[in-house]
Amino acid sequence: MLIEKAELKDLESIMKIEYESFDTDIAENEKIFKKRIKNFSDGFYIIKIKNEVIGYICSELWEYEENLNIEKFELNHSMDKFHKMNGTELYISSFGLLKNYRKKGFGKVLFDVLMNRITQKYDIKSVVLIVSEKWEAAKKIYIDHGFENIKVLNDFFNDEEDGIIMRKKLNIV
């Protein structure tokens, strides 16, 4: 197992994971992932097994706000709008694994690497993400890491699937 920063050469593998992980109506496009790699490579990691990319996790840095701006969570939003290199809130924007590698601990390892590397390098006060109410394995990872539900966005993913915004506060003074 190898975890490293994503590069543009990994884009095809990342998109394969994205389309296997998410329904076509919520999967984000290649242009968005390309921008994420270029603009914040510190926050974009892949996990490989035998030279095959089996998963990815990507993030942005936002300015911390106690009361979150819901507009920030829009699917396929441009990083240019909210990402700030001196931001103190880590937003985990997307996270996926190939189906054959799910429920084997790889997601937890990848999540831990991102959290550790970002919180050691940047002054992060809080980590925030959005997850479908139906994604039990993902919710378990986040709850096990101390995340709490802070808001439900009705029909966020589709007409029958709410999004749950979860947050973990770190170094709030």
C-alpha atoms as a PDB file:
ATOM      1  CA  MET A   1       0.000   0.000   0.000  1.00  0.00           C
ATOM      2  CA  LEU A   2       1.284   3.439  -0.969  1.00  0.00           C
ATOM      3  CA  ILE A   3      -0.292   6.820  -0.221  1.00  0.00           C
ATOM      4  CA  GLU A   4       0.957   9.830  -2.139  1.00  0.00           C
ATOM      5  CA  LYS A   5      -0.149  13.204  -3.446  1.00  0.00           C
ATOM      6  CA  ALA A   6      -2.319  13.018  -6.539  1.00  0.00           C
ATOM      7  CA  GLU A   7      -0.831  14.231  -9.811  1.00  0.00           C
ATOM      8  CA  LEU A   8      -2.469  15.059 -13.127  1.00  0.00           C
ATOM      9  CA  LYS A   9      -1.301  11.689 -14.493  1.00  0.00           C
ATOM     10  CA  ASP A  10      -3.632  10.051 -11.909  1.00  0.00           C
ATOM     11  CA  LEU A  11      -6.722  11.832 -13.211  1.00  0.00           C
ATOM     12  CA  GLU A  12      -8.031   8.944 -15.316  1.00  0.00           C
ATOM     13  CA  SER A  13      -7.860   6.581 -12.319  1.00  0.00           C
ATOM     14  CA  ILE A  14      -9.445   9.171 -10.039  1.00  0.00           C
ATOM     15  CA  MET A  15     -12.335   9.647 -12.449  1.00  0.00           C
ATOM     16  CA  LYS A  16     -12.864   5.875 -12.660  1.00  0.00           C
ATOM     17  CA  ILE A  17     -13.190   5.813  -8.860  1.00  0.00           C
ATOM     18  CA  GLU A  18     -15.472   8.866  -8.874  1.00  0.00           C
ATOM     19  CA  TYR A  19     -17.880   7.279 -11.362  1.00  0.00           C
ATOM     20  CA  GLU A  20     -17.821   3.940  -9.550  1.00  0.00           C
ATOM     21  CA  SER A  21     -18.418   5.630  -6.186  1.00  0.00           C
ATOM     22  CA  PHE A  22     -21.152   8.118  -7.039  1.00  0.00           C
ATOM     23  CA  ASP A  23     -24.305   8.180  -9.163  1.00  0.00           C
ATOM     24  CA  THR A  24     -23.877  10.127 -12.388  1.00  0.00           C
ATOM     25  CA  ASP A  25     -26.138  12.935 -11.140  1.00  0.00           C
ATOM     26  CA  ILE A  26     -23.786  13.681  -8.213  1.00  0.00           C
ATOM     27  CA  ALA A  27     -20.378  12.616  -9.573  1.00  0.00           C
ATOM     28  CA  GLU A  28     -18.118  15.609 -10.035  1.00  0.00           C
ATOM     29  CA  ASN A  29     -16.413  16.304 -13.338  1.00  0.00           C
ATOM     30  CA  GLU A  30     -12.801  15.977 -14.471  1.00  0.00           C
ATOM     31  CA  LYS A  31     -12.315  19.740 -14.711  1.00  0.00           C
ATOM     32  CA  ILE A  32     -13.066  20.082 -10.977  1.00  0.00           C
ATOM     33  CA  PHE A  33     -10.573  17.353 -10.038  1.00  0.00           C
ATOM     34  CA  LYS A  34      -7.884  18.821 -12.285  1.00  0.00           C
ATOM     35  CA  LYS A  35      -8.294  22.170 -10.549  1.00  0.00           C
ATOM     36  CA  ARG A  36      -8.146  20.500  -7.113  1.00  0.00           C
ATOM     37  CA  ILE A  37      -4.848  18.805  -7.985  1.00  0.00           C
ATOM     38  CA  LYS A  38      -3.340  22.005  -9.404  1.00  0.00           C
ATOM     39  CA  ASN A  39      -4.585  24.388  -6.693  1.00  0.00           C
ATOM     40  CA  PHE A  40      -4.115  22.323  -3.535  1.00  0.00           C
ATOM     41  CA  SER A  41      -1.967  19.245  -4.058  1.00  0.00           C
ATOM     42  CA  ASP A  42      -1.268  19.184  -0.294  1.00  0.00           C
ATOM     43  CA  GLY A  43      -4.919  18.277   0.183  1.00  0.00           C
ATOM     44  CA  PHE A  44      -5.313  15.612  -2.508  1.00  0.00           C
ATOM     45  CA  TYR A  45      -4.065  12.060  -1.915  1.00  0.00           C
ATOM     46  CA  ILE A  46      -4.380   8.751  -3.675  1.00  0.00           C
ATOM     47  CA  ILE A  47      -3.906   5.257  -2.322  1.00  0.00           C
ATOM     48  CA  LYS A  48      -2.305   2.556  -4.489  1.00  0.00           C
ATOM     49  CA  ILE A  49      -2.030  -1.184  -4.243  1.00  0.00           C
ATOM     50  CA  LYS A  50       0.363  -2.852  -6.676  1.00  0.00           C
ATOM     51  CA  ASN A  51       0.571   0.389  -8.702  1.00  0.00           C
ATOM     52  CA  GLU A  52      -3.236   0.563  -9.099  1.00  0.00           C
ATOM     53  CA  VAL A  53      -4.951   3.681  -7.757  1.00  0.00           C
ATOM     54  CA  ILE A  54      -7.750   2.277  -5.598  1.00  0.00           C
ATOM     55  CA  GLY A  55      -8.905   5.422  -3.833  1.00  0.00           C
ATOM     56  CA  TYR A  56      -8.577   9.157  -3.427  1.00  0.00           C
ATOM     57  CA  ILE A  57      -9.417  11.913  -0.967  1.00  0.00           C
ATOM     58  CA  CYS A  58      -9.345  15.618  -1.716  1.00  0.00           C
ATOM     59  CA  SER A  59      -9.928  18.767   0.251  1.00  0.00           C
ATOM     60  CA  GLU A  60      -9.925  22.549   0.329  1.00  0.00           C
ATOM     61  CA  LEU A  61      -9.049  25.153   2.931  1.00  0.00           C
ATOM     62  CA  TRP A  62     -11.851  27.526   3.856  1.00  0.00           C
ATOM     63  CA  GLU A  63     -12.077  30.449   6.223  1.00  0.00           C
ATOM     64  CA  TYR A  64     -13.646  29.141   9.420  1.00  0.00           C
ATOM     65  CA  GLU A  65     -17.240  30.238  10.012  1.00  0.00           C
ATOM     66  CA  GLU A  66     -19.226  29.148  13.037  1.00  0.00           C
ATOM     67  CA  ASN A  67     -22.407  29.327  10.941  1.00  0.00           C
ATOM     68  CA  LEU A  68     -21.545  27.678   7.647  1.00  0.00           C
ATOM     69  CA  ASN A  69     -22.518  29.166   4.310  1.00  0.00           C
ATOM     70  CA  ILE A  70     -24.541  26.348   2.707  1.00  0.00           C
ATOM     71  CA  GLU A  71     -23.619  27.648  -0.768  1.00  0.00           C
ATOM     72  CA  LYS A  72     -20.083  26.311  -0.175  1.00  0.00           C
ATOM     73  CA  PHE A  73     -21.314  22.712  -0.408  1.00  0.00           C
ATOM     74  CA  GLU A  74     -22.652  22.959  -3.955  1.00  0.00           C
ATOM     75  CA  LEU A  75     -21.578  19.991  -6.079  1.00  0.00           C
ATOM     76  CA  ASN A  76     -19.006  20.834  -8.764  1.00  0.00           C
ATOM     77  CA  HIS A  77     -18.315  24.217  -7.165  1.00  0.00           C
ATOM     78  CA  SER A  78     -15.121  25.924  -8.220  1.00  0.00           C
ATOM     79  CA  MET A  79     -12.332  25.989  -5.655  1.00  0.00           C
ATOM     80  CA  ASP A  80     -11.595  29.555  -6.706  1.00  0.00           C
ATOM     81  CA  LYS A  81     -14.671  30.779  -4.898  1.00  0.00           C
ATOM     82  CA  PHE A  82     -13.927  29.575  -1.343  1.00  0.00           C
ATOM     83  CA  HIS A  83     -10.456  27.983  -1.133  1.00  0.00           C
ATOM     84  CA  LYS A  84      -7.971  30.107   0.828  1.00  0.00           C
ATOM     85  CA  MET A  85      -4.407  28.914   1.438  1.00  0.00           C
ATOM     86  CA  ASN A  86      -4.507  30.543   4.887  1.00  0.00           C
ATOM     87  CA  GLY A  87      -7.938  29.089   5.691  1.00  0.00           C
ATOM     88  CA  THR A  88      -8.423  27.435   9.068  1.00  0.00           C
ATOM     89  CA  GLU A  89     -11.209  25.027   8.146  1.00  0.00           C
ATOM     90  CA  LEU A  90     -10.428  21.883   6.163  1.00  0.00           C
ATOM     91  CA  TYR A  91     -13.264  20.903   3.845  1.00  0.00           C
ATOM     92  CA  ILE A  92     -13.099  17.297   2.673  1.00  0.00           C
ATOM     93  CA  SER A  93     -14.608  17.750  -0.762  1.00  0.00           C
ATOM     94  CA  SER A  94     -14.582  14.189  -2.086  1.00  0.00           C
ATOM     95  CA  PHE A  95     -13.489  10.722  -1.003  1.00  0.00           C
ATOM     96  CA  GLY A  96     -13.886   7.459  -2.900  1.00  0.00           C
ATOM     97  CA  LEU A  97     -12.612   3.885  -3.149  1.00  0.00           C
ATOM     98  CA  LEU A  98     -13.035   1.220  -5.800  1.00  0.00           C
ATOM     99  CA  LYS A  99     -15.786  -1.188  -4.736  1.00  0.00           C
ATOM    100  CA  ASN A 100     -13.432  -4.172  -4.342  1.00  0.00           C
ATOM    101  CA  TYR A 101     -11.427  -2.294  -1.703  1.00  0.00           C
ATOM    102  CA  ARG A 102     -14.248  -0.974   0.456  1.00  0.00           C
ATOM    103  CA  LYS A 103     -14.853  -2.182   4.030  1.00  0.00           C
ATOM    104  CA  LYS A 104     -11.210  -3.311   4.346  1.00  0.00           C
ATOM    105  CA  GLY A 105      -9.813  -0.335   6.261  1.00  0.00           C
ATOM    106  CA  PHE A 106      -8.270   1.477   3.273  1.00  0.00           C
ATOM    107  CA  GLY A 107     -10.684   4.398   3.579  1.00  0.00           C
ATOM    108  CA  LYS A 108      -9.831   4.898   7.237  1.00  0.00           C
ATOM    109  CA  VAL A 109      -6.096   4.828   6.472  1.00  0.00           C
ATOM    110  CA  LEU A 110      -6.455   7.349   3.651  1.00  0.00           C
ATOM    111  CA  PHE A 111      -8.634   9.599   5.806  1.00  0.00           C
ATOM    112  CA  ASP A 112      -6.107   9.430   8.675  1.00  0.00           C
ATOM    113  CA  VAL A 113      -3.215  10.360   6.370  1.00  0.00           C
ATOM    114  CA  LEU A 114      -5.029  13.423   5.058  1.00  0.00           C
ATOM    115  CA  MET A 115      -6.055  14.542   8.544  1.00  0.00           C
ATOM    116  CA  ASN A 116      -2.567  14.082   9.981  1.00  0.00           C
ATOM    117  CA  ARG A 117      -0.667  15.733   7.139  1.00  0.00           C
ATOM    118  CA  ILE A 118      -2.971  18.731   6.822  1.00  0.00           C
ATOM    119  CA  THR A 119      -3.323  19.406  10.547  1.00  0.00           C
ATOM    120  CA  GLN A 120       0.458  19.221  10.984  1.00  0.00           C
ATOM    121  CA  LYS A 121       1.176  21.637   8.128  1.00  0.00           C
ATOM    122  CA  TYR A 122      -1.720  24.115   8.429  1.00  0.00           C
ATOM    123  CA  ASP A 123      -3.418  25.938  11.311  1.00  0.00           C
ATOM    124  CA  ILE A 124      -6.682  24.016  11.135  1.00  0.00           C
ATOM    125  CA  LYS A 125      -9.391  24.819  13.679  1.00  0.00           C
ATOM    126  CA  SER A 126     -12.119  22.652  12.210  1.00  0.00           C
ATOM    127  CA  VAL A 127     -12.785  19.950   9.626  1.00  0.00           C
ATOM    128  CA  VAL A 128     -16.081  19.851   7.767  1.00  0.00           C
ATOM    129  CA  LEU A 129     -17.638  17.558   5.174  1.00  0.00           C
ATOM    130  CA  ILE A 130     -20.945  16.483   3.737  1.00  0.00           C
ATOM    131  CA  VAL A 131     -22.089  12.880   3.576  1.00  0.00           C
ATOM    132  CA  SER A 132     -25.229  11.165   2.360  1.00  0.00           C
ATOM    133  CA  GLU A 133     -27.565   9.932   5.039  1.00  0.00           C
ATOM    134  CA  LYS A 134     -27.309   6.517   3.310  1.00  0.00           C
ATOM    135  CA  TRP A 135     -23.502   6.110   3.286  1.00  0.00           C
ATOM    136  CA  GLU A 136     -23.153   4.124   6.503  1.00  0.00           C
ATOM    137  CA  ALA A 137     -19.482   3.119   6.099  1.00  0.00           C
ATOM    138  CA  ALA A 138     -18.413   6.719   5.469  1.00  0.00           C
ATOM    139  CA  LYS A 139     -20.487   8.024   8.383  1.00  0.00           C
ATOM    140  CA  LYS A 140     -18.860   5.444  10.653  1.00  0.00           C
ATOM    141  CA  ILE A 141     -15.359   6.678   9.736  1.00  0.00           C
ATOM    142  CA  TYR A 142     -16.366  10.254  10.512  1.00  0.00           C
ATOM    143  CA  ILE A 143     -18.171   9.466  13.767  1.00  0.00           C
ATOM    144  CA  ASP A 144     -15.211   7.322  14.910  1.00  0.00           C
ATOM    145  CA  HIS A 145     -13.016  10.397  14.311  1.00  0.00           C
ATOM    146  CA  GLY A 146     -15.203  12.620  16.492  1.00  0.00           C
ATOM    147  CA  PHE A 147     -17.290  14.349  13.841  1.00  0.00           C
ATOM    148  CA  GLU A 148     -20.758  15.529  14.794  1.00  0.00           C
ATOM    149  CA  ASN A 149     -23.839  16.187  12.675  1.00  0.00           C
ATOM    150  CA  ILE A 150     -24.449  19.922  12.447  1.00  0.00           C
ATOM    151  CA  LYS A 151     -27.033  20.313   9.678  1.00  0.00           C
ATOM    152  CA  VAL A 152     -29.192  18.278   7.318  1.00  0.00           C
ATOM    153  CA  LEU A 153     -29.612  19.477   3.734  1.00  0.00           C
ATOM    154  CA  ASN A 154     -32.861  17.993   2.468  1.00  0.00           C
ATOM    155  CA  ASP A 155     -32.679  16.282  -0.935  1.00  0.00           C
ATOM    156  CA  PHE A 156     -29.053  17.387  -1.382  1.00  0.00           C
ATOM    157  CA  PHE A 157     -27.890  14.362  -3.366  1.00  0.00           C
ATOM    158  CA  ASN A 158     -31.204  13.650  -5.071  1.00  0.00           C
ATOM    159  CA  ASP A 159     -34.933  13.777  -4.362  1.00  0.00           C
ATOM    160  CA  GLU A 160     -34.684  10.949  -1.834  1.00  0.00           C
ATOM    161  CA  GLU A 161     -31.236  11.457  -0.321  1.00  0.00           C
ATOM    162  CA  ASP A 162     -30.422  14.084   2.284  1.00  0.00           C
ATOM    163  CA  GLY A 163     -26.925  15.368   2.907  1.00  0.00           C
ATOM    164  CA  ILE A 164     -25.559  15.608   6.431  1.00  0.00           C
ATOM    165  CA  ILE A 165     -22.970  18.280   7.167  1.00  0.00           C
ATOM    166  CA  MET A 166     -20.569  16.982   9.806  1.00  0.00           C
ATOM    167  CA  ARG A 167     -17.864  18.924  11.634  1.00  0.00           C
ATOM    168  CA  LYS A 168     -15.039  18.251  14.026  1.00  0.00           C
ATOM    169  CA  LYS A 169     -13.554  21.219  15.872  1.00  0.00           C
ATOM    170  CA  LEU A 170      -9.847  21.006  16.600  1.00  0.00           C
ATOM    171  CA  ASN A 171      -7.938  24.009  17.944  1.00  0.00           C
ATOM    172  CA  ILE A 172     -10.583  26.628  18.610  1.00  0.00           C
ATOM    173  CA  VAL A 173      -9.286  29.117  21.193  1.00  0.00           C
END
